[in-house]
Amino acid sequence: MWIVFGWDKEQKVLGEVATAYCYDCRRDSEWFVSRESEWVTFSAIRVFRFICKHRLHCGGCTAVFPLTASEFKQIDHHMKRHDSINGTDLHAGLATRIETEQLASKTPLQLKFI
């Protein structure tokens, strides 16, 4: 009998959470939350999930931001009761974070153009 030990990655889009401006694709875009899981496998059967990461990504380009566990819990809690986080304090915080992280690597000339 052969037992093969390995691992498997799975990425699943959990849903659209907000609309915010993306400075990479330069338009208002839908932002989605996804979950990336890594599993220990035995003979191609998933046995134990040892990593679970949540990310926020733009629907129009490849911009991706990791979410902390507390950010994901807040988003998940709000999304269970509402369609989106648009117009909430959580949305304003994520929009500010997106802007800060996307503009951090830009030169002064690029910022002037934007």
C-alpha atoms as a PDB file:
ATOM      1  CA  MET A   1       0.000   0.000   0.000  1.00  0.00           C
ATOM      2  CA  TRP A   2       1.335   3.389  -0.991  1.00  0.00           C
ATOM      3  CA  ILE A   3       0.704   6.466   1.148  1.00  0.00           C
ATOM      4  CA  VAL A   4       1.679   9.680  -0.527  1.00  0.00           C
ATOM      5  CA  PHE A   5       2.211  12.719   1.675  1.00  0.00           C
ATOM      6  CA  GLY A   6       1.819  16.178   0.126  1.00  0.00           C
ATOM      7  CA  TRP A   7      -0.010  19.468   0.195  1.00  0.00           C
ATOM      8  CA  ASP A   8      -2.684  21.184  -1.814  1.00  0.00           C
ATOM      9  CA  LYS A   9      -3.532  24.853  -2.322  1.00  0.00           C
ATOM     10  CA  GLU A  10      -7.032  26.132  -2.796  1.00  0.00           C
ATOM     11  CA  GLN A  11      -8.146  29.670  -3.597  1.00  0.00           C
ATOM     12  CA  LYS A  12     -11.813  30.584  -3.403  1.00  0.00           C
ATOM     13  CA  VAL A  13     -13.471  33.944  -4.039  1.00  0.00           C
ATOM     14  CA  LEU A  14     -15.903  34.565  -1.191  1.00  0.00           C
ATOM     15  CA  GLY A  15     -17.679  37.498  -2.787  1.00  0.00           C
ATOM     16  CA  GLU A  16     -17.781  41.161  -3.701  1.00  0.00           C
ATOM     17  CA  VAL A  17     -17.569  43.435  -0.678  1.00  0.00           C
ATOM     18  CA  ALA A  18     -17.180  47.013  -1.915  1.00  0.00           C
ATOM     19  CA  THR A  19     -16.551  49.450  -4.719  1.00  0.00           C
ATOM     20  CA  ALA A  20     -13.465  51.635  -4.447  1.00  0.00           C
ATOM     21  CA  TYR A  21     -11.053  53.489  -6.705  1.00  0.00           C
ATOM     22  CA  CYS A  22      -8.062  51.430  -7.844  1.00  0.00           C
ATOM     23  CA  TYR A  23      -4.969  53.462  -8.668  1.00  0.00           C
ATOM     24  CA  ASP A  24      -3.450  50.583 -10.652  1.00  0.00           C
ATOM     25  CA  CYS A  25      -6.273  50.235 -13.190  1.00  0.00           C
ATOM     26  CA  ARG A  26      -7.400  53.874 -12.668  1.00  0.00           C
ATOM     27  CA  ARG A  27     -11.114  53.348 -12.237  1.00  0.00           C
ATOM     28  CA  ASP A  28     -13.758  52.541  -9.671  1.00  0.00           C
ATOM     29  CA  SER A  29     -13.637  48.785  -9.341  1.00  0.00           C
ATOM     30  CA  GLU A  30     -15.376  46.040  -7.462  1.00  0.00           C
ATOM     31  CA  TRP A  31     -13.216  44.598  -4.688  1.00  0.00           C
ATOM     32  CA  PHE A  32     -13.533  40.940  -3.730  1.00  0.00           C
ATOM     33  CA  VAL A  33     -12.468  38.937  -0.698  1.00  0.00           C
ATOM     34  CA  SER A  34     -10.838  35.581  -1.313  1.00  0.00           C
ATOM     35  CA  ARG A  35      -9.562  32.807   0.914  1.00  0.00           C
ATOM     36  CA  GLU A  36      -6.370  30.891   0.186  1.00  0.00           C
ATOM     37  CA  SER A  37      -5.958  27.627   2.069  1.00  0.00           C
ATOM     38  CA  GLU A  38      -3.094  25.151   2.168  1.00  0.00           C
ATOM     39  CA  TRP A  39      -3.867  21.560   3.118  1.00  0.00           C
ATOM     40  CA  VAL A  40      -1.808  18.554   4.195  1.00  0.00           C
ATOM     41  CA  THR A  41      -2.807  15.565   2.061  1.00  0.00           C
ATOM     42  CA  PHE A  42      -2.387  11.828   2.352  1.00  0.00           C
ATOM     43  CA  SER A  43      -2.932   9.929  -0.879  1.00  0.00           C
ATOM     44  CA  ALA A  44      -4.563  13.052  -2.420  1.00  0.00           C
ATOM     45  CA  ILE A  45      -7.124  13.322   0.395  1.00  0.00           C
ATOM     46  CA  ARG A  46      -7.192  16.600   2.309  1.00  0.00           C
ATOM     47  CA  VAL A  47      -6.591  15.921   5.965  1.00  0.00           C
ATOM     48  CA  PHE A  48      -5.549  19.110   7.747  1.00  0.00           C
ATOM     49  CA  ARG A  49      -5.726  22.778   6.752  1.00  0.00           C
ATOM     50  CA  PHE A  50      -2.628  24.460   8.136  1.00  0.00           C
ATOM     51  CA  ILE A  51      -2.721  27.899   6.481  1.00  0.00           C
ATOM     52  CA  CYS A  52      -5.728  30.098   5.810  1.00  0.00           C
ATOM     53  CA  LYS A  53      -5.142  33.587   4.396  1.00  0.00           C
ATOM     54  CA  HIS A  54      -7.714  36.176   3.365  1.00  0.00           C
ATOM     55  CA  ARG A  55      -7.050  38.742   0.660  1.00  0.00           C
ATOM     56  CA  LEU A  56      -8.766  41.751  -0.854  1.00  0.00           C
ATOM     57  CA  HIS A  57      -8.340  41.994  -4.612  1.00  0.00           C
ATOM     58  CA  CYS A  58      -9.448  44.282  -7.414  1.00  0.00           C
ATOM     59  CA  GLY A  59     -11.838  42.836  -9.971  1.00  0.00           C
ATOM     60  CA  GLY A  60     -10.313  44.899 -12.802  1.00  0.00           C
ATOM     61  CA  CYS A  61      -6.595  44.201 -12.370  1.00  0.00           C
ATOM     62  CA  THR A  62      -4.148  42.185 -10.294  1.00  0.00           C
ATOM     63  CA  ALA A  63      -4.004  44.425  -7.199  1.00  0.00           C
ATOM     64  CA  VAL A  64      -4.082  42.268  -4.065  1.00  0.00           C
ATOM     65  CA  PHE A  65      -3.871  43.201  -0.374  1.00  0.00           C
ATOM     66  CA  PRO A  66      -3.677  40.789   2.552  1.00  0.00           C
ATOM     67  CA  LEU A  67      -6.354  41.152   5.207  1.00  0.00           C
ATOM     68  CA  THR A  68      -5.695  40.662   8.894  1.00  0.00           C
ATOM     69  CA  ALA A  69      -7.892  38.253  10.800  1.00  0.00           C
ATOM     70  CA  SER A  70      -9.704  41.117  12.534  1.00  0.00           C
ATOM     71  CA  GLU A  71     -10.354  42.935   9.222  1.00  0.00           C
ATOM     72  CA  PHE A  72     -11.773  39.759   7.702  1.00  0.00           C
ATOM     73  CA  LYS A  73     -13.982  39.124  10.751  1.00  0.00           C
ATOM     74  CA  GLN A  74     -15.390  42.661  10.555  1.00  0.00           C
ATOM     75  CA  ILE A  75     -16.071  42.332   6.830  1.00  0.00           C
ATOM     76  CA  ASP A  76     -17.583  38.856   7.239  1.00  0.00           C
ATOM     77  CA  HIS A  77     -19.799  39.968  10.142  1.00  0.00           C
ATOM     78  CA  HIS A  78     -21.074  42.975   8.156  1.00  0.00           C
ATOM     79  CA  MET A  79     -21.587  41.011   4.932  1.00  0.00           C
ATOM     80  CA  LYS A  80     -23.799  38.454   6.693  1.00  0.00           C
ATOM     81  CA  ARG A  81     -26.331  41.243   7.317  1.00  0.00           C
ATOM     82  CA  HIS A  82     -25.819  43.544   4.289  1.00  0.00           C
ATOM     83  CA  ASP A  83     -24.980  43.389   0.588  1.00  0.00           C
ATOM     84  CA  SER A  84     -21.764  45.426   0.791  1.00  0.00           C
ATOM     85  CA  ILE A  85     -19.635  47.550   3.092  1.00  0.00           C
ATOM     86  CA  ASN A  86     -20.038  50.658   0.904  1.00  0.00           C
ATOM     87  CA  GLY A  87     -20.644  53.793   2.958  1.00  0.00           C
ATOM     88  CA  THR A  88     -19.443  52.345   6.273  1.00  0.00           C
ATOM     89  CA  ASP A  89     -16.425  53.243   8.390  1.00  0.00           C
ATOM     90  CA  LEU A  90     -14.902  49.897   7.405  1.00  0.00           C
ATOM     91  CA  HIS A  91     -15.206  50.856   3.725  1.00  0.00           C
ATOM     92  CA  ALA A  92     -13.552  54.229   4.351  1.00  0.00           C
ATOM     93  CA  GLY A  93     -10.687  52.526   6.191  1.00  0.00           C
ATOM     94  CA  LEU A  94     -10.119  49.985   3.416  1.00  0.00           C
ATOM     95  CA  ALA A  95     -10.283  52.707   0.726  1.00  0.00           C
ATOM     96  CA  THR A  96      -7.658  54.718   2.623  1.00  0.00           C
ATOM     97  CA  ARG A  97      -5.477  51.630   2.974  1.00  0.00           C
ATOM     98  CA  ILE A  98      -5.793  50.840  -0.741  1.00  0.00           C
ATOM     99  CA  GLU A  99      -4.837  54.412  -1.647  1.00  0.00           C
ATOM    100  CA  THR A 100      -1.893  54.483   0.751  1.00  0.00           C
ATOM    101  CA  GLU A 101      -0.457  51.130  -0.343  1.00  0.00           C
ATOM    102  CA  GLN A 102      -0.918  51.741  -4.070  1.00  0.00           C
ATOM    103  CA  LEU A 103       0.560  55.259  -3.997  1.00  0.00           C
ATOM    104  CA  ALA A 104       3.483  54.407  -1.677  1.00  0.00           C
ATOM    105  CA  SER A 105       5.702  53.152  -4.500  1.00  0.00           C
ATOM    106  CA  LYS A 106       4.964  56.017  -6.908  1.00  0.00           C
ATOM    107  CA  THR A 107       7.462  58.754  -7.696  1.00  0.00           C
ATOM    108  CA  PRO A 108       6.559  62.454  -7.252  1.00  0.00           C
ATOM    109  CA  LEU A 109       6.147  62.779 -11.018  1.00  0.00           C
ATOM    110  CA  GLN A 110       3.760  59.824 -11.111  1.00  0.00           C
ATOM    111  CA  LEU A 111       1.774  61.253  -8.193  1.00  0.00           C
ATOM    112  CA  LYS A 112       1.487  64.576 -10.030  1.00  0.00           C
ATOM    113  CA  PHE A 113       0.147  62.751 -13.096  1.00  0.00           C
ATOM    114  CA  ILE A 114      -2.385  60.805 -11.021  1.00  0.00           C
END
